[in-house]
Amino acid sequence: ISFNHAERGDVEVAIYDVRGREVSELHNGYLEEGPAEFSWDGNDTSGRSCASAVYFVRVRMGDKRLTKSITMVK
């Protein structure tokens, strides 16, 4: 999961299921401006393996939000 952000500041990157429930938080904190890259191991926050399904990646930077769908296939 990669993106480029124009300003430094707090950034949250999380994975959500189709019901809108947070599955895993990949980052929540300060980032410098520029490119950022994160990976998801397919596990939820408790370390349990998630099912093959469509999930959503949400990136929140201040008042800006970006949401993209991803498909995990095992």
C-alpha atoms as a PDB file:
ATOM      1  CA  ILE A   1       0.000   0.000   0.000  1.00  0.00           C
ATOM      2  CA  SER A   2       1.780   3.106  -1.179  1.00  0.00           C
ATOM      3  CA  PHE A   3       0.837   6.749  -1.468  1.00  0.00           C
ATOM      4  CA  ASN A   4       2.418  10.167  -1.656  1.00  0.00           C
ATOM      5  CA  HIS A   5       1.391  12.947   0.714  1.00  0.00           C
ATOM      6  CA  ALA A   6       2.145  16.621   0.283  1.00  0.00           C
ATOM      7  CA  GLU A   7       2.384  17.661   3.936  1.00  0.00           C
ATOM      8  CA  ARG A   8       4.027  16.282   7.021  1.00  0.00           C
ATOM      9  CA  GLY A   9       1.722  15.443   9.870  1.00  0.00           C
ATOM     10  CA  ASP A  10      -0.385  12.743  11.452  1.00  0.00           C
ATOM     11  CA  VAL A  11      -1.473   9.956   9.125  1.00  0.00           C
ATOM     12  CA  GLU A  12      -3.694   6.959   9.793  1.00  0.00           C
ATOM     13  CA  VAL A  13      -3.636   3.912   7.518  1.00  0.00           C
ATOM     14  CA  ALA A  14      -6.136   1.145   8.294  1.00  0.00           C
ATOM     15  CA  ILE A  15      -7.879  -1.842   6.700  1.00  0.00           C
ATOM     16  CA  TYR A  16     -11.684  -2.153   6.930  1.00  0.00           C
ATOM     17  CA  ASP A  17     -14.102  -4.934   6.012  1.00  0.00           C
ATOM     18  CA  VAL A  18     -17.192  -4.414   3.828  1.00  0.00           C
ATOM     19  CA  ARG A  19     -19.295  -3.663   6.932  1.00  0.00           C
ATOM     20  CA  GLY A  20     -17.014  -0.759   7.827  1.00  0.00           C
ATOM     21  CA  ARG A  21     -15.354  -2.438  10.802  1.00  0.00           C
ATOM     22  CA  GLU A  22     -11.653  -1.800  11.275  1.00  0.00           C
ATOM     23  CA  VAL A  23      -9.711  -5.012  10.702  1.00  0.00           C
ATOM     24  CA  SER A  24      -6.130  -3.798  11.113  1.00  0.00           C
ATOM     25  CA  GLU A  25      -4.362  -0.525  11.743  1.00  0.00           C
ATOM     26  CA  LEU A  26      -1.147  -0.280   9.728  1.00  0.00           C
ATOM     27  CA  HIS A  27      -0.014   3.156  10.914  1.00  0.00           C
ATOM     28  CA  ASN A  28      -1.270   5.894  13.188  1.00  0.00           C
ATOM     29  CA  GLY A  29       1.178   8.692  13.769  1.00  0.00           C
ATOM     30  CA  TYR A  30       3.467  11.284  12.303  1.00  0.00           C
ATOM     31  CA  LEU A  31       4.942  11.025   8.796  1.00  0.00           C
ATOM     32  CA  GLU A  32       7.170  13.363   6.864  1.00  0.00           C
ATOM     33  CA  GLU A  33       5.903  14.569   3.493  1.00  0.00           C
ATOM     34  CA  GLY A  34       6.624  12.404   0.464  1.00  0.00           C
ATOM     35  CA  PRO A  35       6.178   8.759  -0.431  1.00  0.00           C
ATOM     36  CA  ALA A  36       5.021   6.221   2.150  1.00  0.00           C
ATOM     37  CA  GLU A  37       4.621   2.467   1.873  1.00  0.00           C
ATOM     38  CA  PHE A  38       2.943  -0.050   4.170  1.00  0.00           C
ATOM     39  CA  SER A  39       2.139  -3.736   3.870  1.00  0.00           C
ATOM     40  CA  TRP A  40      -0.654  -5.804   5.364  1.00  0.00           C
ATOM     41  CA  ASP A  41       0.049  -9.404   6.338  1.00  0.00           C
ATOM     42  CA  GLY A  42      -3.610 -10.439   6.008  1.00  0.00           C
ATOM     43  CA  ASN A  43      -4.136 -10.687   9.768  1.00  0.00           C
ATOM     44  CA  ASP A  44      -6.475  -8.706  11.986  1.00  0.00           C
ATOM     45  CA  THR A  45      -5.325  -6.720  15.024  1.00  0.00           C
ATOM     46  CA  SER A  46      -5.478  -9.889  17.162  1.00  0.00           C
ATOM     47  CA  GLY A  47      -3.172 -11.757  14.789  1.00  0.00           C
ATOM     48  CA  ARG A  48      -5.896 -13.978  13.338  1.00  0.00           C
ATOM     49  CA  SER A  49      -5.838 -14.665   9.618  1.00  0.00           C
ATOM     50  CA  CYS A  50      -8.559 -12.817   7.691  1.00  0.00           C
ATOM     51  CA  ALA A  51     -10.741 -14.550   5.123  1.00  0.00           C
ATOM     52  CA  SER A  52     -10.403 -14.088   1.380  1.00  0.00           C
ATOM     53  CA  ALA A  53     -12.602 -11.084   0.641  1.00  0.00           C
ATOM     54  CA  VAL A  54     -12.757  -7.486  -0.500  1.00  0.00           C
ATOM     55  CA  TYR A  55     -11.345  -5.030   2.021  1.00  0.00           C
ATOM     56  CA  PHE A  56     -10.866  -1.274   2.015  1.00  0.00           C
ATOM     57  CA  VAL A  57      -7.705   0.656   2.744  1.00  0.00           C
ATOM     58  CA  ARG A  58      -8.367   4.068   4.280  1.00  0.00           C
ATOM     59  CA  VAL A  59      -5.677   6.703   4.493  1.00  0.00           C
ATOM     60  CA  ARG A  60      -6.531   9.728   6.599  1.00  0.00           C
ATOM     61  CA  MET A  61      -4.292  12.799   6.545  1.00  0.00           C
ATOM     62  CA  GLY A  62      -5.812  15.650   8.532  1.00  0.00           C
ATOM     63  CA  ASP A  63      -9.183  16.385   6.939  1.00  0.00           C
ATOM     64  CA  LYS A  64      -8.327  14.427   3.753  1.00  0.00           C
ATOM     65  CA  ARG A  65      -9.331  10.803   3.243  1.00  0.00           C
ATOM     66  CA  LEU A  66      -8.490   8.326   0.525  1.00  0.00           C
ATOM     67  CA  THR A  67     -10.230   4.948   0.316  1.00  0.00           C
ATOM     68  CA  LYS A  68      -9.326   2.146  -2.101  1.00  0.00           C
ATOM     69  CA  SER A  69     -10.640  -1.390  -2.341  1.00  0.00           C
ATOM     70  CA  ILE A  70      -8.312  -4.382  -2.290  1.00  0.00           C
ATOM     71  CA  THR A  71      -9.025  -8.080  -2.734  1.00  0.00           C
ATOM     72  CA  MET A  72      -7.274 -10.669  -0.617  1.00  0.00           C
ATOM     73  CA  VAL A  73      -7.138 -14.160  -2.080  1.00  0.00           C
ATOM     74  CA  LYS A  74      -5.580 -17.040  -0.167  1.00  0.00           C
END
